Amino acid sequence: MRTLAIDLGSKRVGLALSDEGGKYATPYDVLQVSAPEQAIAPIVQVVAKEGVERLVVGLPLNMDDSVGDSARRTVRWGNALAAASGKPVVFVDERLSSFTAEQQLIDRKRGGERLTRGGKKQRLDALAAAGFLQEFLDGRLAPLDTSGY
């Protein structure tokens, strides 16, 4: 099952895509937006173009497991995306995904890869989405029940 993961931000939206077998996640793209709502139409186009069957949206829970305004906004946005795309949306805990992605980029830079500050920012969100998508595909990240949000 082809799955698209979304790391929603206020200015950048990271996308990662699984292979058709649903085993491997790879960074796909980073959308530049001035508001998250602007990302819905381009994501619906990616869904159609790539044959995506399921969407995984990273939910920014607080470190103490509480649900804040950002998580509630993300759930509303994800529900709007589900309606626009006609595809099921699964929410997963994305805490520390950006930190992990940043550590990966630091390691790559230490390994000799040339990364500019702008290039790092551009890749970070898609890499974070690929990270939590891979954990989800591997069964290490369970879907969250967002009905009470």
N, C-alpha and C. Protein backbone atom coordinates (compact mmCIF):
# COMPACT_ATOMS: atom_id res chain seq x y z
N MET A 1 0.84 -1.18 0.00
CA MET A 1 0.00 0.00 0.00
C MET A 1 0.88 1.24 0.00
N ARG A 2 0.72 2.06 -0.99
CA ARG A 2 1.51 3.30 -1.12
C ARG A 2 1.01 4.32 -0.11
N THR A 3 1.93 4.84 0.70
CA THR A 3 1.59 5.75 1.79
C THR A 3 2.38 7.03 1.66
N LEU A 4 1.72 8.16 1.89
CA LEU A 4 2.36 9.46 1.91
C LEU A 4 2.34 9.98 3.33
N ALA A 5 3.51 10.35 3.84
CA ALA A 5 3.62 10.93 5.18
C ALA A 5 3.77 12.43 5.06
N ILE A 6 3.19 13.15 6.02
CA ILE A 6 3.18 14.60 5.99
C ILE A 6 3.64 15.14 7.34
N ASP A 7 4.69 15.96 7.29
CA ASP A 7 5.18 16.68 8.47
C ASP A 7 4.71 18.12 8.28
N LEU A 8 3.61 18.46 8.93
CA LEU A 8 2.95 19.75 8.73
C LEU A 8 3.63 20.84 9.55
N GLY A 9 3.98 21.91 8.86
CA GLY A 9 4.52 23.08 9.53
C GLY A 9 3.77 24.32 9.05
N SER A 10 4.03 25.44 9.68
CA SER A 10 3.32 26.66 9.32
C SER A 10 3.86 27.27 8.03
N LYS A 11 5.14 26.99 7.70
CA LYS A 11 5.74 27.54 6.48
C LYS A 11 6.24 26.47 5.51
N ARG A 12 6.60 25.31 6.06
CA ARG A 12 7.08 24.21 5.23
C ARG A 12 6.32 22.93 5.59
N VAL A 13 6.02 22.14 4.57
CA VAL A 13 5.32 20.88 4.77
C VAL A 13 6.18 19.79 4.13
N GLY A 14 6.72 18.92 4.96
CA GLY A 14 7.56 17.83 4.47
C GLY A 14 6.74 16.64 4.04
N LEU A 15 7.10 16.06 2.91
CA LEU A 15 6.41 14.89 2.37
C LEU A 15 7.40 13.75 2.20
N ALA A 16 6.95 12.55 2.55
CA ALA A 16 7.73 11.34 2.32
C ALA A 16 6.79 10.29 1.75
N LEU A 17 7.32 9.42 0.92
CA LEU A 17 6.50 8.45 0.20
C LEU A 17 7.07 7.05 0.41
N SER A 18 6.16 6.10 0.57
CA SER A 18 6.60 4.70 0.66
C SER A 18 6.65 4.11 -0.74
N ASP A 19 7.32 2.98 -0.86
CA ASP A 19 7.28 2.23 -2.11
C ASP A 19 5.91 1.57 -2.22
N GLU A 20 5.62 0.97 -3.36
CA GLU A 20 4.30 0.37 -3.58
C GLU A 20 4.04 -0.79 -2.63
N GLY A 21 5.07 -1.46 -2.21
CA GLY A 21 4.90 -2.57 -1.26
C GLY A 21 4.71 -2.11 0.18
N GLY A 22 4.90 -0.82 0.43
CA GLY A 22 4.71 -0.29 1.77
C GLY A 22 5.78 -0.70 2.76
N LYS A 23 7.01 -0.89 2.26
CA LYS A 23 8.09 -1.32 3.15
C LYS A 23 9.12 -0.24 3.43
N TYR A 24 9.37 0.63 2.45
CA TYR A 24 10.45 1.62 2.57
C TYR A 24 9.95 3.04 2.37
N ALA A 25 10.41 3.93 3.24
CA ALA A 25 10.03 5.34 3.15
C ALA A 25 11.21 6.15 2.63
N THR A 26 10.91 7.09 1.74
CA THR A 26 11.94 8.00 1.24
C THR A 26 11.41 9.43 1.25
N PRO A 27 12.28 10.40 1.52
CA PRO A 27 11.84 11.80 1.43
C PRO A 27 11.35 12.08 0.02
N TYR A 28 10.29 12.87 -0.10
CA TYR A 28 9.70 13.15 -1.40
C TYR A 28 9.84 14.61 -1.80
N ASP A 29 9.37 15.53 -0.95
CA ASP A 29 9.37 16.94 -1.31
C ASP A 29 9.10 17.79 -0.07
N VAL A 30 9.39 19.07 -0.18
CA VAL A 30 9.03 20.04 0.85
C VAL A 30 8.25 21.16 0.15
N LEU A 31 7.03 21.38 0.61
CA LEU A 31 6.19 22.43 0.06
C LEU A 31 6.40 23.70 0.88
N GLN A 32 6.58 24.81 0.19
CA GLN A 32 6.68 26.11 0.86
C GLN A 32 5.28 26.73 0.85
N VAL A 33 4.76 27.06 2.02
CA VAL A 33 3.41 27.63 2.13
C VAL A 33 3.42 28.81 3.08
N SER A 34 2.44 29.69 2.94
CA SER A 34 2.31 30.78 3.92
C SER A 34 1.25 30.43 4.96
N ALA A 35 0.48 29.36 4.71
CA ALA A 35 -0.49 28.82 5.67
C ALA A 35 -0.68 27.34 5.34
N PRO A 36 -0.84 26.50 6.36
CA PRO A 36 -0.97 25.06 6.12
C PRO A 36 -2.09 24.68 5.15
N GLU A 37 -3.18 25.46 5.14
CA GLU A 37 -4.30 25.15 4.26
C GLU A 37 -3.88 25.16 2.79
N GLN A 38 -2.87 25.94 2.46
CA GLN A 38 -2.39 26.01 1.08
C GLN A 38 -1.73 24.71 0.61
N ALA A 39 -1.40 23.84 1.54
CA ALA A 39 -0.73 22.59 1.17
C ALA A 39 -1.71 21.51 0.72
N ILE A 40 -2.97 21.66 1.02
CA ILE A 40 -3.94 20.59 0.73
C ILE A 40 -4.02 20.29 -0.77
N ALA A 41 -4.22 21.30 -1.60
CA ALA A 41 -4.36 21.06 -3.04
C ALA A 41 -3.11 20.40 -3.65
N PRO A 42 -1.88 20.89 -3.36
CA PRO A 42 -0.71 20.20 -3.91
C PRO A 42 -0.56 18.77 -3.41
N ILE A 43 -0.96 18.52 -2.18
CA ILE A 43 -0.87 17.15 -1.65
C ILE A 43 -1.88 16.25 -2.35
N VAL A 44 -3.07 16.76 -2.61
CA VAL A 44 -4.07 15.97 -3.35
C VAL A 44 -3.53 15.62 -4.74
N GLN A 45 -2.79 16.54 -5.36
CA GLN A 45 -2.17 16.25 -6.66
C GLN A 45 -1.13 15.14 -6.54
N VAL A 46 -0.32 15.17 -5.49
CA VAL A 46 0.68 14.11 -5.27
C VAL A 46 -0.02 12.77 -5.06
N VAL A 47 -1.10 12.78 -4.30
CA VAL A 47 -1.87 11.55 -4.05
C VAL A 47 -2.31 10.93 -5.37
N ALA A 48 -2.85 11.75 -6.26
CA ALA A 48 -3.32 11.25 -7.56
C ALA A 48 -2.15 10.80 -8.44
N LYS A 49 -1.09 11.60 -8.49
CA LYS A 49 0.05 11.31 -9.36
C LYS A 49 0.79 10.04 -8.95
N GLU A 50 0.94 9.83 -7.64
CA GLU A 50 1.75 8.71 -7.14
C GLU A 50 0.93 7.48 -6.74
N GLY A 51 -0.38 7.54 -6.88
CA GLY A 51 -1.21 6.39 -6.52
C GLY A 51 -1.22 6.11 -5.03
N VAL A 52 -1.25 7.16 -4.24
CA VAL A 52 -1.24 7.02 -2.78
C VAL A 52 -2.59 6.49 -2.30
N GLU A 53 -2.53 5.52 -1.38
CA GLU A 53 -3.75 4.92 -0.85
C GLU A 53 -4.04 5.32 0.59
N ARG A 54 -3.00 5.83 1.29
CA ARG A 54 -3.15 6.17 2.70
C ARG A 54 -2.24 7.34 3.03
N LEU A 55 -2.70 8.21 3.94
CA LEU A 55 -1.93 9.37 4.37
C LEU A 55 -1.60 9.21 5.86
N VAL A 56 -0.36 9.50 6.20
CA VAL A 56 0.08 9.47 7.60
C VAL A 56 0.52 10.88 7.95
N VAL A 57 -0.14 11.46 8.94
CA VAL A 57 0.15 12.83 9.35
C VAL A 57 0.79 12.80 10.74
N GLY A 58 1.92 13.47 10.86
CA GLY A 58 2.61 13.56 12.13
C GLY A 58 1.89 14.50 13.07
N LEU A 59 1.62 14.03 14.27
CA LEU A 59 0.89 14.82 15.26
C LEU A 59 1.88 15.36 16.30
N PRO A 60 1.96 16.69 16.43
CA PRO A 60 2.93 17.28 17.35
C PRO A 60 2.42 17.32 18.79
N LEU A 61 2.48 16.17 19.45
CA LEU A 61 2.09 16.12 20.86
C LEU A 61 3.14 16.81 21.71
N ASN A 62 2.72 17.27 22.89
CA ASN A 62 3.67 17.86 23.82
C ASN A 62 4.52 16.75 24.44
N MET A 63 5.69 17.11 24.94
CA MET A 63 6.61 16.11 25.49
C MET A 63 6.02 15.38 26.70
N ASP A 64 5.05 15.98 27.38
CA ASP A 64 4.41 15.33 28.53
C ASP A 64 3.16 14.52 28.12
N ASP A 65 3.04 14.23 26.82
CA ASP A 65 1.93 13.46 26.24
C ASP A 65 0.61 14.23 26.17
N SER A 66 0.61 15.49 26.55
CA SER A 66 -0.63 16.26 26.47
C SER A 66 -0.85 16.75 25.03
N VAL A 67 -2.09 17.12 24.76
CA VAL A 67 -2.49 17.59 23.45
C VAL A 67 -2.63 19.11 23.50
N GLY A 68 -1.86 19.81 22.70
CA GLY A 68 -1.92 21.27 22.68
C GLY A 68 -2.67 21.78 21.47
N ASP A 69 -2.67 23.10 21.33
CA ASP A 69 -3.37 23.74 20.22
C ASP A 69 -2.82 23.30 18.87
N SER A 70 -1.50 23.13 18.79
CA SER A 70 -0.87 22.73 17.53
C SER A 70 -1.37 21.35 17.09
N ALA A 71 -1.49 20.42 18.02
CA ALA A 71 -1.98 19.08 17.70
C ALA A 71 -3.45 19.13 17.26
N ARG A 72 -4.24 19.96 17.95
CA ARG A 72 -5.65 20.08 17.57
C ARG A 72 -5.80 20.67 16.17
N ARG A 73 -4.99 21.69 15.86
CA ARG A 73 -5.02 22.27 14.51
C ARG A 73 -4.62 21.22 13.47
N THR A 74 -3.62 20.42 13.80
CA THR A 74 -3.15 19.38 12.87
C THR A 74 -4.24 18.35 12.60
N VAL A 75 -4.99 17.97 13.63
CA VAL A 75 -6.09 17.02 13.44
C VAL A 75 -7.16 17.63 12.54
N ARG A 76 -7.52 18.88 12.77
CA ARG A 76 -8.52 19.54 11.90
C ARG A 76 -8.02 19.59 10.46
N TRP A 77 -6.74 19.94 10.29
CA TRP A 77 -6.14 20.01 8.95
C TRP A 77 -6.16 18.62 8.30
N GLY A 78 -5.77 17.60 9.05
CA GLY A 78 -5.75 16.24 8.52
C GLY A 78 -7.14 15.76 8.10
N ASN A 79 -8.14 16.12 8.88
CA ASN A 79 -9.52 15.76 8.52
C ASN A 79 -9.96 16.46 7.24
N ALA A 80 -9.53 17.72 7.08
CA ALA A 80 -9.83 18.44 5.83
C ALA A 80 -9.11 17.79 4.65
N LEU A 81 -7.88 17.34 4.86
CA LEU A 81 -7.13 16.65 3.81
C LEU A 81 -7.81 15.34 3.44
N ALA A 82 -8.30 14.60 4.43
CA ALA A 82 -9.00 13.34 4.15
C ALA A 82 -10.24 13.60 3.29
N ALA A 83 -10.97 14.65 3.61
CA ALA A 83 -12.17 14.98 2.83
C ALA A 83 -11.81 15.38 1.41
N ALA A 84 -10.74 16.16 1.25
CA ALA A 84 -10.34 16.64 -0.07
C ALA A 84 -9.76 15.54 -0.93
N SER A 85 -9.04 14.60 -0.31
CA SER A 85 -8.35 13.56 -1.08
C SER A 85 -9.16 12.28 -1.24
N GLY A 86 -10.11 12.07 -0.35
CA GLY A 86 -10.86 10.81 -0.36
C GLY A 86 -10.06 9.64 0.15
N LYS A 87 -8.94 9.92 0.82
CA LYS A 87 -8.06 8.86 1.34
C LYS A 87 -8.07 8.88 2.86
N PRO A 88 -7.89 7.71 3.47
CA PRO A 88 -7.85 7.68 4.94
C PRO A 88 -6.59 8.36 5.48
N VAL A 89 -6.75 9.06 6.59
CA VAL A 89 -5.64 9.72 7.26
C VAL A 89 -5.40 9.03 8.60
N VAL A 90 -4.16 8.68 8.83
CA VAL A 90 -3.73 8.10 10.10
C VAL A 90 -2.82 9.12 10.77
N PHE A 91 -3.04 9.35 12.05
CA PHE A 91 -2.18 10.27 12.80
C PHE A 91 -1.21 9.46 13.64
N VAL A 92 0.05 9.90 13.66
CA VAL A 92 1.08 9.24 14.47
C VAL A 92 1.84 10.30 15.26
N ASP A 93 2.44 9.87 16.34
CA ASP A 93 3.23 10.75 17.20
C ASP A 93 4.52 11.10 16.47
N GLU A 94 4.74 12.39 16.23
CA GLU A 94 5.93 12.81 15.49
C GLU A 94 6.95 13.51 16.38
N ARG A 95 6.78 13.42 17.70
CA ARG A 95 7.74 14.07 18.59
C ARG A 95 9.14 13.58 18.29
N LEU A 96 10.06 14.48 18.30
CA LEU A 96 11.49 14.23 18.08
C LEU A 96 11.84 13.84 16.65
N SER A 97 10.87 13.82 15.73
CA SER A 97 11.20 13.45 14.35
C SER A 97 12.12 14.48 13.70
N SER A 98 11.89 15.76 13.97
CA SER A 98 12.77 16.80 13.40
C SER A 98 14.15 16.74 14.02
N PHE A 99 14.22 16.46 15.31
CA PHE A 99 15.52 16.34 15.98
C PHE A 99 16.31 15.18 15.37
N THR A 100 15.67 14.04 15.19
CA THR A 100 16.33 12.88 14.61
C THR A 100 16.79 13.17 13.18
N ALA A 101 15.94 13.84 12.41
CA ALA A 101 16.31 14.19 11.03
C ALA A 101 17.50 15.13 11.02
N GLU A 102 17.52 16.09 11.94
CA GLU A 102 18.64 17.03 12.00
C GLU A 102 19.93 16.30 12.35
N GLN A 103 19.85 15.33 13.25
CA GLN A 103 21.04 14.54 13.60
C GLN A 103 21.55 13.76 12.38
N GLN A 104 20.64 13.25 11.57
CA GLN A 104 21.04 12.53 10.35
C GLN A 104 21.76 13.46 9.39
N LEU A 105 21.26 14.68 9.24
CA LEU A 105 21.92 15.63 8.35
C LEU A 105 23.29 16.03 8.88
N ILE A 106 23.41 16.18 10.19
CA ILE A 106 24.71 16.49 10.78
C ILE A 106 25.70 15.36 10.51
N ASP A 107 25.24 14.13 10.66
CA ASP A 107 26.11 12.97 10.38
C ASP A 107 26.53 12.93 8.92
N ARG A 108 25.60 13.26 8.03
CA ARG A 108 25.93 13.27 6.60
C ARG A 108 26.94 14.36 6.28
N LYS A 109 26.80 15.50 6.93
CA LYS A 109 27.75 16.60 6.72
C LYS A 109 29.13 16.20 7.23
N ARG A 110 29.16 15.55 8.37
CA ARG A 110 30.45 15.06 8.91
C ARG A 110 31.08 14.03 7.97
N GLY A 111 30.24 13.31 7.25
CA GLY A 111 30.72 12.31 6.30
C GLY A 111 31.21 12.91 5.00
N GLY A 112 31.15 14.25 4.88
CA GLY A 112 31.68 14.89 3.69
C GLY A 112 30.66 15.48 2.75
N GLU A 113 29.37 15.25 3.02
CA GLU A 113 28.35 15.80 2.14
C GLU A 113 28.27 17.32 2.34
N ARG A 114 28.19 18.03 1.24
CA ARG A 114 28.11 19.50 1.32
C ARG A 114 26.65 19.92 1.47
N LEU A 115 26.37 20.58 2.58
CA LEU A 115 25.02 21.05 2.85
C LEU A 115 25.06 22.52 3.24
N THR A 116 24.32 23.32 2.52
CA THR A 116 24.20 24.72 2.90
C THR A 116 23.09 24.81 3.95
N ARG A 117 23.03 25.92 4.65
CA ARG A 117 21.99 26.11 5.65
C ARG A 117 20.60 26.01 5.01
N GLY A 118 20.44 26.64 3.84
CA GLY A 118 19.17 26.59 3.12
C GLY A 118 18.84 25.18 2.66
N GLY A 119 19.84 24.48 2.18
CA GLY A 119 19.64 23.11 1.73
C GLY A 119 19.25 22.20 2.88
N LYS A 120 19.83 22.45 4.04
CA LYS A 120 19.51 21.66 5.23
C LYS A 120 18.06 21.88 5.63
N LYS A 121 17.64 23.15 5.67
CA LYS A 121 16.25 23.46 6.02
C LYS A 121 15.29 22.83 5.02
N GLN A 122 15.66 22.87 3.74
CA GLN A 122 14.80 22.34 2.69
C GLN A 122 14.61 20.83 2.83
N ARG A 123 15.63 20.13 3.23
CA ARG A 123 15.57 18.67 3.34
C ARG A 123 14.99 18.19 4.66
N LEU A 124 15.14 18.99 5.70
CA LEU A 124 14.83 18.56 7.06
C LEU A 124 13.40 18.05 7.21
N ASP A 125 12.42 18.77 6.70
CA ASP A 125 11.03 18.39 6.90
C ASP A 125 10.66 17.10 6.16
N ALA A 126 11.18 16.91 4.96
CA ALA A 126 10.92 15.67 4.22
C ALA A 126 11.62 14.50 4.88
N LEU A 127 12.81 14.74 5.42
CA LEU A 127 13.55 13.69 6.12
C LEU A 127 12.83 13.30 7.41
N ALA A 128 12.27 14.29 8.11
CA ALA A 128 11.51 14.00 9.33
C ALA A 128 10.27 13.16 8.99
N ALA A 129 9.58 13.51 7.91
CA ALA A 129 8.41 12.75 7.48
C ALA A 129 8.80 11.31 7.12
N ALA A 130 9.93 11.16 6.44
CA ALA A 130 10.40 9.82 6.08
C ALA A 130 10.73 9.01 7.33
N GLY A 131 11.25 9.68 8.35
CA GLY A 131 11.60 8.99 9.59
C GLY A 131 10.39 8.42 10.29
N PHE A 132 9.34 9.25 10.48
CA PHE A 132 8.18 8.69 11.18
C PHE A 132 7.38 7.76 10.28
N LEU A 133 7.44 7.94 8.95
CA LEU A 133 6.78 7.00 8.06
C LEU A 133 7.45 5.63 8.14
N GLN A 134 8.77 5.59 8.16
CA GLN A 134 9.47 4.30 8.25
C GLN A 134 9.14 3.60 9.56
N GLU A 135 9.08 4.35 10.65
CA GLU A 135 8.72 3.75 11.94
C GLU A 135 7.30 3.19 11.89
N PHE A 136 6.39 3.91 11.25
CA PHE A 136 5.01 3.44 11.10
C PHE A 136 4.97 2.17 10.25
N LEU A 137 5.66 2.17 9.13
CA LEU A 137 5.67 1.01 8.24
C LEU A 137 6.27 -0.21 8.93
N ASP A 138 7.25 0.02 9.78
CA ASP A 138 7.90 -1.08 10.51
C ASP A 138 7.10 -1.56 11.71
N GLY A 139 5.99 -0.89 12.00
CA GLY A 139 5.15 -1.29 13.13
C GLY A 139 5.63 -0.77 14.48
N ARG A 140 6.59 0.16 14.46
CA ARG A 140 7.11 0.70 15.71
C ARG A 140 6.39 1.96 16.15
N LEU A 141 5.48 2.46 15.33
CA LEU A 141 4.74 3.68 15.63
C LEU A 141 3.27 3.40 15.36
N ALA A 142 2.48 3.37 16.42
CA ALA A 142 1.07 3.01 16.29
C ALA A 142 0.22 4.22 15.92
N PRO A 143 -0.87 3.99 15.20
CA PRO A 143 -1.82 5.07 14.92
C PRO A 143 -2.42 5.59 16.23
N LEU A 144 -2.69 6.89 16.27
CA LEU A 144 -3.27 7.51 17.45
C LEU A 144 -4.77 7.68 17.28
N ASP A 145 -5.51 7.53 18.36
CA ASP A 145 -6.95 7.79 18.36
C ASP A 145 -7.11 9.29 18.63
N THR A 146 -7.56 10.02 17.63
CA THR A 146 -7.70 11.46 17.77
C THR A 146 -9.14 11.90 17.94
N SER A 147 -10.02 10.97 18.23
CA SER A 147 -11.45 11.31 18.33
C SER A 147 -11.74 12.32 19.44
N GLY A 148 -10.93 12.36 20.48
CA GLY A 148 -11.16 13.29 21.58
C GLY A 148 -10.47 14.64 21.40
N TYR A 149 -9.81 14.85 20.27
CA TYR A 149 -9.07 16.09 20.04
C TYR A 149 -9.98 17.09 19.43
